[in-house]
Amino acid sequence: MDRFVVEADHRVVGIAIRVPGGFRFVCSDPDFQEMDRKVFPRARALASSVAELAKARRSATNTVH
Protein backbone atom coordinates (compact mmCIF):
# COMPACT_ATOMS: atom_id res chain seq x y z
CA MET A 1 0.00 0.00 0.00
CA ASP A 2 1.72 3.17 -1.21
CA ARG A 3 -1.21 5.55 -0.77
CA PHE A 4 -4.72 5.57 0.57
CA VAL A 5 -7.67 7.88 1.14
CA VAL A 6 -8.12 9.19 4.67
CA GLU A 7 -11.66 9.67 5.95
CA ALA A 8 -13.16 11.26 9.05
CA ASP A 9 -16.84 11.53 9.88
CA HIS A 10 -17.81 9.74 6.65
CA ARG A 11 -16.00 12.20 4.37
CA VAL A 12 -12.64 12.26 2.64
CA VAL A 13 -10.27 14.65 4.41
CA GLY A 14 -7.03 13.81 2.60
CA ILE A 15 -4.67 11.13 1.39
CA ALA A 16 -1.74 9.32 2.95
CA ILE A 17 1.37 8.64 0.88
CA ARG A 18 4.15 6.27 1.88
CA VAL A 19 7.43 8.14 2.26
CA PRO A 20 10.72 7.28 3.96
CA GLY A 21 9.91 7.20 7.66
CA GLY A 22 6.20 6.47 7.38
CA PHE A 23 3.17 8.11 5.78
CA ARG A 24 2.74 11.76 4.81
CA PHE A 25 -0.76 13.19 5.20
CA VAL A 26 -1.91 15.60 2.48
CA CYS A 27 -5.16 17.26 3.43
CA SER A 28 -8.03 18.03 1.08
CA ASP A 29 -10.25 19.49 3.79
CA PRO A 30 -9.44 22.85 5.39
CA ASP A 31 -10.47 21.53 8.82
CA PHE A 32 -7.38 19.29 8.74
CA GLN A 33 -4.92 21.90 7.44
CA GLU A 34 -2.86 21.80 10.66
CA MET A 35 -1.88 18.20 9.85
CA ASP A 36 -1.04 18.87 6.19
CA ARG A 37 2.31 17.40 5.08
CA LYS A 38 3.01 15.87 8.51
CA VAL A 39 4.73 12.45 8.45
CA PHE A 40 3.46 9.70 10.74
CA PRO A 41 5.51 6.58 11.49
CA ARG A 42 2.60 4.22 10.85
CA ALA A 43 -0.74 4.37 9.04
CA ARG A 44 -2.48 3.60 12.34
CA ALA A 45 -0.83 6.64 13.97
CA LEU A 46 -2.04 8.85 11.13
CA ALA A 47 -5.59 7.46 11.38
CA SER A 48 -5.63 7.98 15.15
CA SER A 49 -4.47 11.60 14.82
CA VAL A 50 -7.11 12.32 12.19
CA ALA A 51 -9.80 10.74 14.37
CA GLU A 52 -8.69 12.78 17.41
CA LEU A 53 -8.77 16.03 15.45
CA ALA A 54 -12.20 15.18 14.02
CA LYS A 55 -13.48 14.45 17.53
CA ALA A 56 -12.07 17.73 18.84
CA ARG A 57 -13.71 19.63 15.97
CA ARG A 58 -17.06 17.94 16.68
CA SER A 59 -16.79 18.82 20.36
CA ALA A 60 -15.95 22.43 19.57
CA THR A 61 -18.87 22.67 17.15
CA ASN A 62 -21.27 21.11 19.67
CA THR A 63 -20.31 23.59 22.41
CA VAL A 64 -20.84 26.67 20.20
CA HIS A 65 -24.48 27.78 20.23
PDB file of N, CA and C in Angstrom:
ATOM      1  N   MET A   1       0.852  -1.172   0.000  1.00  0.00           N
ATOM      2  CA  MET A   1       0.000   0.000   0.000  1.00  0.00           C
ATOM      3  C   MET A   1       0.901   1.239   0.000  1.00  0.00           C
ATOM      4  N   ASP A   2       0.888   1.974  -1.091  1.00  0.00           N
ATOM      5  CA  ASP A   2       1.716   3.172  -1.209  1.00  0.00           C
ATOM      6  C   ASP A   2       0.945   4.455  -0.906  1.00  0.00           C
ATOM      7  N   ARG A   3      -0.371   4.388  -1.053  1.00  0.00           N
ATOM      8  CA  ARG A   3      -1.206   5.555  -0.772  1.00  0.00           C
ATOM      9  C   ARG A   3      -2.620   5.090  -0.490  1.00  0.00           C
ATOM     10  N   PHE A   4      -3.322   5.892   0.301  1.00  0.00           N
ATOM     11  CA  PHE A   4      -4.720   5.572   0.572  1.00  0.00           C
ATOM     12  C   PHE A   4      -5.471   6.837   0.972  1.00  0.00           C
ATOM     13  N   VAL A   5      -6.786   6.777   0.785  1.00  0.00           N
ATOM     14  CA  VAL A   5      -7.672   7.880   1.138  1.00  0.00           C
ATOM     15  C   VAL A   5      -7.866   7.872   2.651  1.00  0.00           C
ATOM     16  N   VAL A   6      -7.900   9.055   3.230  1.00  0.00           N
ATOM     17  CA  VAL A   6      -8.117   9.192   4.672  1.00  0.00           C
ATOM     18  C   VAL A   6      -9.493   9.830   4.868  1.00  0.00           C
ATOM     19  N   GLU A   7     -10.313   9.185   5.682  1.00  0.00           N
ATOM     20  CA  GLU A   7     -11.659   9.673   5.949  1.00  0.00           C
ATOM     21  C   GLU A   7     -11.839   9.995   7.426  1.00  0.00           C
ATOM     22  N   ALA A   8     -12.734  10.939   7.684  1.00  0.00           N
ATOM     23  CA  ALA A   8     -13.161  11.263   9.048  1.00  0.00           C
ATOM     24  C   ALA A   8     -14.619  11.682   8.964  1.00  0.00           C
ATOM     25  N   ASP A   9     -15.413  11.187   9.849  1.00  0.00           N
ATOM     26  CA  ASP A   9     -16.839  11.531   9.883  1.00  0.00           C
ATOM     27  C   ASP A   9     -17.517  11.290   8.533  1.00  0.00           C
ATOM     28  N   HIS A  10     -17.191  10.182   7.917  1.00  0.00           N
ATOM     29  CA  HIS A  10     -17.806   9.741   6.654  1.00  0.00           C
ATOM     30  C   HIS A  10     -17.539  10.677   5.478  1.00  0.00           C
ATOM     31  N   ARG A  11     -16.394  11.350   5.508  1.00  0.00           N
ATOM     32  CA  ARG A  11     -15.999  12.197   4.368  1.00  0.00           C
ATOM     33  C   ARG A  11     -14.494  12.105   4.173  1.00  0.00           C
ATOM     34  N   VAL A  12     -14.073  12.288   2.959  1.00  0.00           N
ATOM     35  CA  VAL A  12     -12.644  12.259   2.641  1.00  0.00           C
ATOM     36  C   VAL A  12     -12.028  13.569   3.119  1.00  0.00           C
ATOM     37  N   VAL A  13     -10.940  13.452   3.893  1.00  0.00           N
ATOM     38  CA  VAL A  13     -10.266  14.647   4.411  1.00  0.00           C
ATOM     39  C   VAL A  13      -8.843  14.775   3.877  1.00  0.00           C
ATOM     40  N   GLY A  14      -8.365  13.747   3.163  1.00  0.00           N
ATOM     41  CA  GLY A  14      -7.026  13.808   2.597  1.00  0.00           C
ATOM     42  C   GLY A  14      -6.565  12.455   2.111  1.00  0.00           C
ATOM     43  N   ILE A  15      -5.282  12.393   1.797  1.00  0.00           N
ATOM     44  CA  ILE A  15      -4.666  11.133   1.391  1.00  0.00           C
ATOM     45  C   ILE A  15      -3.389  10.927   2.201  1.00  0.00           C
ATOM     46  N   ALA A  16      -3.004   9.677   2.308  1.00  0.00           N
ATOM     47  CA  ALA A  16      -1.737   9.317   2.949  1.00  0.00           C
ATOM     48  C   ALA A  16      -0.846   8.709   1.888  1.00  0.00           C
ATOM     49  N   ILE A  17       0.395   9.120   1.862  1.00  0.00           N
ATOM     50  CA  ILE A  17       1.370   8.645   0.879  1.00  0.00           C
ATOM     51  C   ILE A  17       2.566   8.079   1.622  1.00  0.00           C
ATOM     52  N   ARG A  18       2.966   6.861   1.249  1.00  0.00           N
ATOM     53  CA  ARG A  18       4.150   6.267   1.883  1.00  0.00           C
ATOM     54  C   ARG A  18       5.392   7.049   1.470  1.00  0.00           C
ATOM     55  N   VAL A  19       6.169   7.430   2.467  1.00  0.00           N
ATOM     56  CA  VAL A  19       7.432   8.141   2.265  1.00  0.00           C
ATOM     57  C   VAL A  19       8.457   7.507   3.201  1.00  0.00           C
ATOM     58  N   PRO A  20       9.734   7.790   2.998  1.00  0.00           N
ATOM     59  CA  PRO A  20      10.718   7.282   3.959  1.00  0.00           C
ATOM     60  C   PRO A  20      10.344   7.766   5.370  1.00  0.00           C
ATOM     61  N   GLY A  21      10.249   6.850   6.289  1.00  0.00           N
ATOM     62  CA  GLY A  21       9.910   7.198   7.656  1.00  0.00           C
ATOM     63  C   GLY A  21       8.448   7.041   8.012  1.00  0.00           C
ATOM     64  N   GLY A  22       7.610   6.685   7.048  1.00  0.00           N
ATOM     65  CA  GLY A  22       6.201   6.469   7.376  1.00  0.00           C
ATOM     66  C   GLY A  22       5.248   6.898   6.288  1.00  0.00           C
ATOM     67  N   PHE A  23       4.212   7.655   6.696  1.00  0.00           N
ATOM     68  CA  PHE A  23       3.170   8.114   5.780  1.00  0.00           C
ATOM     69  C   PHE A  23       2.984   9.612   5.937  1.00  0.00           C
ATOM     70  N   ARG A  24       2.985  10.311   4.812  1.00  0.00           N
ATOM     71  CA  ARG A  24       2.740  11.758   4.808  1.00  0.00           C
ATOM     72  C   ARG A  24       1.253  11.977   4.550  1.00  0.00           C
ATOM     73  N   PHE A  25       0.638  12.822   5.375  1.00  0.00           N
ATOM     74  CA  PHE A  25      -0.765  13.190   5.201  1.00  0.00           C
ATOM     75  C   PHE A  25      -0.839  14.449   4.355  1.00  0.00           C
ATOM     76  N   VAL A  26      -1.660  14.426   3.314  1.00  0.00           N
ATOM     77  CA  VAL A  26      -1.908  15.595   2.479  1.00  0.00           C
ATOM     78  C   VAL A  26      -3.401  15.874   2.578  1.00  0.00           C
ATOM     79  N   CYS A  27      -3.750  16.993   3.176  1.00  0.00           N
ATOM     80  CA  CYS A  27      -5.163  17.260   3.431  1.00  0.00           C
ATOM     81  C   CYS A  27      -5.874  17.787   2.188  1.00  0.00           C
ATOM     82  N   SER A  28      -7.158  17.484   2.127  1.00  0.00           N
ATOM     83  CA  SER A  28      -8.026  18.026   1.078  1.00  0.00           C
ATOM     84  C   SER A  28      -9.182  18.785   1.723  1.00  0.00           C
ATOM     85  N   ASP A  29      -9.191  18.840   3.035  1.00  0.00           N
ATOM     86  CA  ASP A  29     -10.251  19.491   3.792  1.00  0.00           C
ATOM     87  C   ASP A  29      -9.614  20.549   4.693  1.00  0.00           C
ATOM     88  N   PRO A  30     -10.054  21.782   4.605  1.00  0.00           N
ATOM     89  CA  PRO A  30      -9.437  22.853   5.392  1.00  0.00           C
ATOM     90  C   PRO A  30      -9.466  22.609   6.894  1.00  0.00           C
ATOM     91  N   ASP A  31     -10.414  21.824   7.391  1.00  0.00           N
ATOM     92  CA  ASP A  31     -10.471  21.529   8.824  1.00  0.00           C
ATOM     93  C   ASP A  31      -9.260  20.741   9.309  1.00  0.00           C
ATOM     94  N   PHE A  32      -8.521  20.127   8.378  1.00  0.00           N
ATOM     95  CA  PHE A  32      -7.380  19.292   8.745  1.00  0.00           C
ATOM     96  C   PHE A  32      -6.061  19.897   8.274  1.00  0.00           C
ATOM     97  N   GLN A  33      -6.091  21.182   7.953  1.00  0.00           N
ATOM     98  CA  GLN A  33      -4.918  21.899   7.445  1.00  0.00           C
ATOM     99  C   GLN A  33      -3.725  21.818   8.390  1.00  0.00           C
ATOM    100  N   GLU A  34      -3.969  21.824   9.693  1.00  0.00           N
ATOM    101  CA  GLU A  34      -2.858  21.803  10.656  1.00  0.00           C
ATOM    102  C   GLU A  34      -2.043  20.514  10.585  1.00  0.00           C
ATOM    103  N   MET A  35      -2.593  19.476   9.981  1.00  0.00           N
ATOM    104  CA  MET A  35      -1.877  18.202   9.854  1.00  0.00           C
ATOM    105  C   MET A  35      -1.242  18.037   8.471  1.00  0.00           C
ATOM    106  N   ASP A  36      -1.504  18.985   7.574  1.00  0.00           N
ATOM    107  CA  ASP A  36      -1.039  18.869   6.191  1.00  0.00           C
ATOM    108  C   ASP A  36       0.471  18.695   6.117  1.00  0.00           C
ATOM    109  N   ARG A  37       0.889  17.715   5.360  1.00  0.00           N
ATOM    110  CA  ARG A  37       2.306  17.396   5.081  1.00  0.00           C
ATOM    111  C   ARG A  37       3.040  16.751   6.258  1.00  0.00           C
ATOM    112  N   LYS A  38       2.365  16.511   7.363  1.00  0.00           N
ATOM    113  CA  LYS A  38       3.007  15.870   8.510  1.00  0.00           C
ATOM    114  C   LYS A  38       3.251  14.390   8.193  1.00  0.00           C
ATOM    115  N   VAL A  39       4.389  13.864   8.655  1.00  0.00           N
ATOM    116  CA  VAL A  39       4.729  12.450   8.447  1.00  0.00           C
ATOM    117  C   VAL A  39       4.476  11.690   9.739  1.00  0.00           C
ATOM    118  N   PHE A  40       3.783  10.571   9.617  1.00  0.00           N
ATOM    119  CA  PHE A  40       3.459   9.699  10.737  1.00  0.00           C
ATOM    120  C   PHE A  40       4.203   8.383  10.553  1.00  0.00           C
ATOM    121  N   PRO A  41       4.706   7.800  11.624  1.00  0.00           N
ATOM    122  CA  PRO A  41       5.515   6.584  11.492  1.00  0.00           C
ATOM    123  C   PRO A  41       4.732   5.368  10.984  1.00  0.00           C
ATOM    124  N   ARG A  42       3.439   5.340  11.274  1.00  0.00           N
ATOM    125  CA  ARG A  42       2.601   4.217  10.846  1.00  0.00           C
ATOM    126  C   ARG A  42       1.242   4.736  10.385  1.00  0.00           C
ATOM    127  N   ALA A  43       0.589   3.989   9.511  1.00  0.00           N
ATOM    128  CA  ALA A  43      -0.741   4.366   9.042  1.00  0.00           C
ATOM    129  C   ALA A  43      -1.714   4.471  10.209  1.00  0.00           C
ATOM    130  N   ARG A  44      -1.580   3.572  11.179  1.00  0.00           N
ATOM    131  CA  ARG A  44      -2.480   3.595  12.341  1.00  0.00           C
ATOM    132  C   ARG A  44      -2.307   4.894  13.140  1.00  0.00           C
ATOM    133  N   ALA A  45      -1.084   5.385  13.260  1.00  0.00           N
ATOM    134  CA  ALA A  45      -0.831   6.643  13.971  1.00  0.00           C
ATOM    135  C   ALA A  45      -1.475   7.814  13.243  1.00  0.00           C
ATOM    136  N   LEU A  46      -1.410   7.812  11.929  1.00  0.00           N
ATOM    137  CA  LEU A  46      -2.043   8.851  11.131  1.00  0.00           C
ATOM    138  C   LEU A  46      -3.548   8.802  11.336  1.00  0.00           C
ATOM    139  N   ALA A  47      -4.140   7.618  11.217  1.00  0.00           N
ATOM    140  CA  ALA A  47      -5.587   7.465  11.376  1.00  0.00           C
ATOM    141  C   ALA A  47      -6.037   7.911  12.765  1.00  0.00           C
ATOM    142  N   SER A  48      -5.277   7.582  13.783  1.00  0.00           N
ATOM    143  CA  SER A  48      -5.628   7.984  15.146  1.00  0.00           C
ATOM    144  C   SER A  48      -5.588   9.500  15.303  1.00  0.00           C
ATOM    145  N   SER A  49      -4.586  10.141  14.729  1.00  0.00           N
ATOM    146  CA  SER A  49      -4.472  11.598  14.816  1.00  0.00           C
ATOM    147  C   SER A  49      -5.619  12.285  14.089  1.00  0.00           C
ATOM    148  N   VAL A  50      -5.984  11.767  12.935  1.00  0.00           N
ATOM    149  CA  VAL A  50      -7.113  12.323  12.185  1.00  0.00           C
ATOM    150  C   VAL A  50      -8.395  12.158  13.000  1.00  0.00           C
ATOM    151  N   ALA A  51      -8.599  10.993  13.573  1.00  0.00           N
ATOM    152  CA  ALA A  51      -9.805  10.741  14.369  1.00  0.00           C
ATOM    153  C   ALA A  51      -9.859  11.668  15.588  1.00  0.00           C
ATOM    154  N   GLU A  52      -8.731  11.885  16.245  1.00  0.00           N
ATOM    155  CA  GLU A  52      -8.688  12.779  17.413  1.00  0.00           C
ATOM    156  C   GLU A  52      -9.028  14.212  17.019  1.00  0.00           C
ATOM    157  N   LEU A  53      -8.480  14.673  15.894  1.00  0.00           N
ATOM    158  CA  LEU A  53      -8.769  16.033  15.450  1.00  0.00           C
ATOM    159  C   LEU A  53     -10.239  16.158  15.062  1.00  0.00           C
ATOM    160  N   ALA A  54     -10.782  15.166  14.390  1.00  0.00           N
ATOM    161  CA  ALA A  54     -12.202  15.182  14.016  1.00  0.00           C
ATOM    162  C   ALA A  54     -13.077  15.234  15.269  1.00  0.00           C
ATOM    163  N   LYS A  55     -12.723  14.463  16.275  1.00  0.00           N
ATOM    164  CA  LYS A  55     -13.483  14.448  17.529  1.00  0.00           C
ATOM    165  C   LYS A  55     -13.415  15.813  18.208  1.00  0.00           C
ATOM    166  N   ALA A  56     -12.235  16.407  18.233  1.00  0.00           N
ATOM    167  CA  ALA A  56     -12.069  17.729  18.838  1.00  0.00           C
ATOM    168  C   ALA A  56     -12.898  18.775  18.090  1.00  0.00           C
ATOM    169  N   ARG A  57     -12.923  18.679  16.776  1.00  0.00           N
ATOM    170  CA  ARG A  57     -13.710  19.629  15.972  1.00  0.00           C
ATOM    171  C   ARG A  57     -15.201  19.450  16.242  1.00  0.00           C
ATOM    172  N   ARG A  58     -15.643  18.195  16.352  1.00  0.00           N
ATOM    173  CA  ARG A  58     -17.064  17.936  16.675  1.00  0.00           C
ATOM    174  C   ARG A  58     -17.414  18.512  18.033  1.00  0.00           C
ATOM    175  N   SER A  59     -16.546  18.299  19.011  1.00  0.00           N
ATOM    176  CA  SER A  59     -16.794  18.816  20.359  1.00  0.00           C
ATOM    177  C   SER A  59     -16.865  20.329  20.357  1.00  0.00           C
ATOM    178  N   ALA A  60     -15.963  20.972  19.639  1.00  0.00           N
ATOM    179  CA  ALA A  60     -15.947  22.428  19.571  1.00  0.00           C
ATOM    180  C   ALA A  60     -17.223  22.949  18.895  1.00  0.00           C
ATOM    181  N   THR A  61     -17.670  22.266  17.865  1.00  0.00           N
ATOM    182  CA  THR A  61     -18.872  22.666  17.153  1.00  0.00           C
ATOM    183  C   THR A  61     -20.105  22.477  18.031  1.00  0.00           C
ATOM    184  N   ASN A  62     -20.124  21.402  18.813  1.00  0.00           N
ATOM    185  CA  ASN A  62     -21.268  21.113  19.672  1.00  0.00           C
ATOM    186  C   ASN A  62     -21.366  22.060  20.854  1.00  0.00           C
ATOM    187  N   THR A  63     -20.262  22.684  21.260  1.00  0.00           N
ATOM    188  CA  THR A  63     -20.308  23.592  22.412  1.00  0.00           C
ATOM    189  C   THR A  63     -20.618  25.032  21.997  1.00  0.00           C
ATOM    190  N   VAL A  64     -20.515  25.328  20.707  1.00  0.00           N
ATOM    191  CA  VAL A  64     -20.837  26.667  20.205  1.00  0.00           C
ATOM    192  C   VAL A  64     -22.320  26.716  19.892  1.00  0.00           C
ATOM    193  N   HIS A  65     -23.017  27.691  20.448  1.00  0.00           N
ATOM    194  CA  HIS A  65     -24.478  27.781  20.233  1.00  0.00           C
ATOM    195  C   HIS A  65     -24.801  28.936  19.355  1.00  0.00           C
TER     196      HIS A  65
END
